[in-house]
Amino acid sequence: VQLQASGGGLVQAGGSLRLSCAASGRSFSGYAMGWFRQAPGKEREFVAAINWIGSIMSYADSVKGRFTISRDNTKNTVYLQMNSLKPEDTAVYYCAADTVKYSSTLVRSGPRYAYWGQGTQVTVSS
């Protein structure tokens, strides 16, 4: 079971990136998915989450209105569209899957999630 995050890179402030998280080894269509990030010297923080059917999303206040999480269960893939990027968005971005199937609530706590991917680096220059 593996989650592969991709799409990171170097972008100027105000630019956009689209991250993808592809799952292999099993289907995550019944599980909420989350994006987290960790900047150098800082703790991992919640960025966004989407419920198993893709009808409910949750965002950290710092990214609300700029980032959009979505999923395509037919492709076993979750996306994070990041617009109006700021230097403070610089971090390694990780995707992860909820451990509770068909959960009715979205959880922002990292320990609730499993199957963490290897992360993709996002660097925003000023």
C-alpha atoms as a PDB file:
ATOM      1  CA  VAL A   1       0.000   0.000   0.000  1.00  0.00           C
ATOM      2  CA  GLN A   2       1.508   3.291  -1.065  1.00  0.00           C
ATOM      3  CA  LEU A   3       0.529   6.929  -1.460  1.00  0.00           C
ATOM      4  CA  GLN A   4       2.650   8.778  -3.985  1.00  0.00           C
ATOM      5  CA  ALA A   5       2.577  12.564  -3.821  1.00  0.00           C
ATOM      6  CA  SER A   6       3.789  14.555  -6.799  1.00  0.00           C
ATOM      7  CA  GLY A   7       3.517  17.946  -8.446  1.00  0.00           C
ATOM      8  CA  GLY A   8       5.698  19.997  -6.153  1.00  0.00           C
ATOM      9  CA  GLY A   9       8.319  22.408  -7.363  1.00  0.00           C
ATOM     10  CA  LEU A  10       9.668  25.922  -7.262  1.00  0.00           C
ATOM     11  CA  VAL A  11       7.236  28.741  -7.974  1.00  0.00           C
ATOM     12  CA  GLN A  12       7.185  32.476  -7.468  1.00  0.00           C
ATOM     13  CA  ALA A  13       4.856  34.094  -4.970  1.00  0.00           C
ATOM     14  CA  GLY A  14       1.415  34.458  -6.470  1.00  0.00           C
ATOM     15  CA  GLY A  15       1.848  31.398  -8.633  1.00  0.00           C
ATOM     16  CA  SER A  16       0.021  28.079  -8.645  1.00  0.00           C
ATOM     17  CA  LEU A  17       0.787  24.399  -8.310  1.00  0.00           C
ATOM     18  CA  ARG A  18      -1.365  21.294  -8.410  1.00  0.00           C
ATOM     19  CA  LEU A  19      -0.349  18.411  -6.206  1.00  0.00           C
ATOM     20  CA  SER A  20      -1.499  14.861  -6.846  1.00  0.00           C
ATOM     21  CA  CYS A  21      -1.607  11.898  -4.518  1.00  0.00           C
ATOM     22  CA  ALA A  22      -1.978   8.546  -6.232  1.00  0.00           C
ATOM     23  CA  ALA A  23      -2.765   5.464  -4.216  1.00  0.00           C
ATOM     24  CA  SER A  24      -1.588   2.005  -5.179  1.00  0.00           C
ATOM     25  CA  GLY A  25      -2.004  -1.390  -3.628  1.00  0.00           C
ATOM     26  CA  ARG A  26      -5.566  -0.813  -2.493  1.00  0.00           C
ATOM     27  CA  SER A  27      -8.535   1.488  -3.015  1.00  0.00           C
ATOM     28  CA  PHE A  28      -9.064   4.450  -0.709  1.00  0.00           C
ATOM     29  CA  SER A  29     -12.431   5.360  -2.152  1.00  0.00           C
ATOM     30  CA  GLY A  30     -14.158   4.717   1.193  1.00  0.00           C
ATOM     31  CA  TYR A  31     -11.759   6.828   3.225  1.00  0.00           C
ATOM     32  CA  ALA A  32     -11.290  10.521   3.803  1.00  0.00           C
ATOM     33  CA  MET A  33      -7.989  11.861   2.542  1.00  0.00           C
ATOM     34  CA  GLY A  34      -5.874  14.641   3.921  1.00  0.00           C
ATOM     35  CA  TRP A  35      -2.994  16.886   2.961  1.00  0.00           C
ATOM     36  CA  PHE A  36      -0.476  17.978   5.561  1.00  0.00           C
ATOM     37  CA  ARG A  37       2.736  19.952   5.326  1.00  0.00           C
ATOM     38  CA  GLN A  38       5.917  20.368   7.278  1.00  0.00           C
ATOM     39  CA  ALA A  39       8.252  23.309   6.956  1.00  0.00           C
ATOM     40  CA  PRO A  40      11.889  23.157   8.122  1.00  0.00           C
ATOM     41  CA  GLY A  41      12.095  23.404  11.890  1.00  0.00           C
ATOM     42  CA  LYS A  42       8.336  23.295  12.310  1.00  0.00           C
ATOM     43  CA  GLU A  43       5.837  20.639  13.238  1.00  0.00           C
ATOM     44  CA  ARG A  44       3.645  18.973  10.658  1.00  0.00           C
ATOM     45  CA  GLU A  45       0.393  20.839  10.183  1.00  0.00           C
ATOM     46  CA  PHE A  46      -2.976  20.123   8.663  1.00  0.00           C
ATOM     47  CA  VAL A  47      -3.700  21.710   5.290  1.00  0.00           C
ATOM     48  CA  ALA A  48      -6.900  20.210   3.890  1.00  0.00           C
ATOM     49  CA  ALA A  49      -9.097  17.133   3.987  1.00  0.00           C
ATOM     50  CA  ILE A  50     -11.898  15.696   1.890  1.00  0.00           C
ATOM     51  CA  ASN A  51     -14.470  13.092   2.866  1.00  0.00           C
ATOM     52  CA  TRP A  52     -14.711   9.715   1.194  1.00  0.00           C
ATOM     53  CA  ILE A  53     -17.339  10.764  -1.334  1.00  0.00           C
ATOM     54  CA  GLY A  54     -15.829  14.175  -2.089  1.00  0.00           C
ATOM     55  CA  SER A  55     -18.763  16.226  -0.833  1.00  0.00           C
ATOM     56  CA  ILE A  56     -17.223  17.770   2.292  1.00  0.00           C
ATOM     57  CA  MET A  57     -13.922  19.606   2.491  1.00  0.00           C
ATOM     58  CA  SER A  58     -12.047  21.202   5.352  1.00  0.00           C
ATOM     59  CA  TYR A  59      -9.192  23.691   5.177  1.00  0.00           C
ATOM     60  CA  ALA A  60      -6.707  25.261   7.508  1.00  0.00           C
ATOM     61  CA  ASP A  61      -7.408  28.955   7.953  1.00  0.00           C
ATOM     62  CA  SER A  62      -4.031  29.790   6.442  1.00  0.00           C
ATOM     63  CA  VAL A  63      -4.982  28.271   3.070  1.00  0.00           C
ATOM     64  CA  LYS A  64      -8.739  28.821   2.944  1.00  0.00           C
ATOM     65  CA  GLY A  65      -9.761  30.577  -0.244  1.00  0.00           C
ATOM     66  CA  ARG A  66      -6.456  29.776  -1.945  1.00  0.00           C
ATOM     67  CA  PHE A  67      -6.256  25.971  -1.901  1.00  0.00           C
ATOM     68  CA  THR A  68      -8.811  23.462  -3.169  1.00  0.00           C
ATOM     69  CA  ILE A  69      -8.812  19.764  -2.384  1.00  0.00           C
ATOM     70  CA  SER A  70     -10.573  17.312  -4.667  1.00  0.00           C
ATOM     71  CA  ARG A  71     -10.558  13.615  -5.429  1.00  0.00           C
ATOM     72  CA  ASP A  72     -11.252  11.211  -8.268  1.00  0.00           C
ATOM     73  CA  ASN A  73     -12.141   7.838  -6.801  1.00  0.00           C
ATOM     74  CA  THR A  74     -12.100   6.225 -10.239  1.00  0.00           C
ATOM     75  CA  LYS A  75      -8.403   7.071 -10.403  1.00  0.00           C
ATOM     76  CA  ASN A  76      -7.714   6.516  -6.697  1.00  0.00           C
ATOM     77  CA  THR A  77      -6.182   9.994  -6.656  1.00  0.00           C
ATOM     78  CA  VAL A  78      -6.514  13.121  -4.519  1.00  0.00           C
ATOM     79  CA  TYR A  79      -5.511  16.591  -5.666  1.00  0.00           C
ATOM     80  CA  LEU A  80      -4.552  19.852  -4.022  1.00  0.00           C
ATOM     81  CA  GLN A  81      -4.843  22.917  -6.221  1.00  0.00           C
ATOM     82  CA  MET A  82      -2.767  25.698  -4.711  1.00  0.00           C
ATOM     83  CA  ASN A  83      -3.253  29.238  -5.956  1.00  0.00           C
ATOM     84  CA  SER A  84      -1.889  32.589  -4.818  1.00  0.00           C
ATOM     85  CA  LEU A  85       1.047  30.839  -3.226  1.00  0.00           C
ATOM     86  CA  LYS A  86       3.017  32.635  -0.537  1.00  0.00           C
ATOM     87  CA  PRO A  87       6.569  32.077   0.709  1.00  0.00           C
ATOM     88  CA  GLU A  88       5.109  30.767   3.970  1.00  0.00           C
ATOM     89  CA  ASP A  89       3.539  27.902   2.003  1.00  0.00           C
ATOM     90  CA  THR A  90       7.029  26.498   1.477  1.00  0.00           C
ATOM     91  CA  ALA A  91       7.108  22.997   2.955  1.00  0.00           C
ATOM     92  CA  VAL A  92       7.101  19.314   2.182  1.00  0.00           C
ATOM     93  CA  TYR A  93       3.516  18.322   1.454  1.00  0.00           C
ATOM     94  CA  TYR A  94       2.239  14.901   2.441  1.00  0.00           C
ATOM     95  CA  CYS A  95      -0.982  13.085   1.696  1.00  0.00           C
ATOM     96  CA  ALA A  96      -2.498  10.494   3.979  1.00  0.00           C
ATOM     97  CA  ALA A  97      -5.592   8.361   4.329  1.00  0.00           C
ATOM     98  CA  ASP A  98      -8.048   8.308   7.216  1.00  0.00           C
ATOM     99  CA  THR A  99      -8.079   5.096   9.198  1.00  0.00           C
ATOM    100  CA  VAL A 100     -11.871   5.031   9.603  1.00  0.00           C
ATOM    101  CA  LYS A 101     -13.919   3.890   6.632  1.00  0.00           C
ATOM    102  CA  TYR A 102     -16.985   5.904   5.643  1.00  0.00           C
ATOM    103  CA  SER A 103     -16.368   8.394   8.437  1.00  0.00           C
ATOM    104  CA  SER A 104     -19.071  11.059   8.771  1.00  0.00           C
ATOM    105  CA  THR A 105     -16.619  13.643  10.095  1.00  0.00           C
ATOM    106  CA  LEU A 106     -13.381  15.136   8.784  1.00  0.00           C
ATOM    107  CA  VAL A 107     -10.474  14.988  11.160  1.00  0.00           C
ATOM    108  CA  ARG A 108      -7.576  17.410  11.178  1.00  0.00           C
ATOM    109  CA  SER A 109      -5.391  15.423  13.536  1.00  0.00           C
ATOM    110  CA  GLY A 110      -2.413  13.699  11.978  1.00  0.00           C
ATOM    111  CA  PRO A 111      -2.458  10.593  14.217  1.00  0.00           C
ATOM    112  CA  ARG A 112      -5.905   9.713  12.822  1.00  0.00           C
ATOM    113  CA  TYR A 113      -4.317   9.219   9.407  1.00  0.00           C
ATOM    114  CA  ALA A 114      -2.172   6.411   8.030  1.00  0.00           C
ATOM    115  CA  TYR A 115      -0.394   5.375   4.846  1.00  0.00           C
ATOM    116  CA  TRP A 116       1.604   8.576   4.649  1.00  0.00           C
ATOM    117  CA  GLY A 117       3.233   9.205   1.292  1.00  0.00           C
ATOM    118  CA  GLN A 118       6.838  10.269   0.876  1.00  0.00           C
ATOM    119  CA  GLY A 119       5.977  13.928   0.390  1.00  0.00           C
ATOM    120  CA  THR A 120       6.636  16.455  -2.338  1.00  0.00           C
ATOM    121  CA  GLN A 121       8.607  19.665  -1.876  1.00  0.00           C
ATOM    122  CA  VAL A 122       6.908  22.985  -2.547  1.00  0.00           C
ATOM    123  CA  THR A 123       9.117  26.066  -2.560  1.00  0.00           C
ATOM    124  CA  VAL A 124       7.668  29.523  -3.036  1.00  0.00           C
ATOM    125  CA  SER A 125      10.113  32.326  -3.721  1.00  0.00           C
ATOM    126  CA  SER A 126       9.385  35.935  -2.866  1.00  0.00           C
END
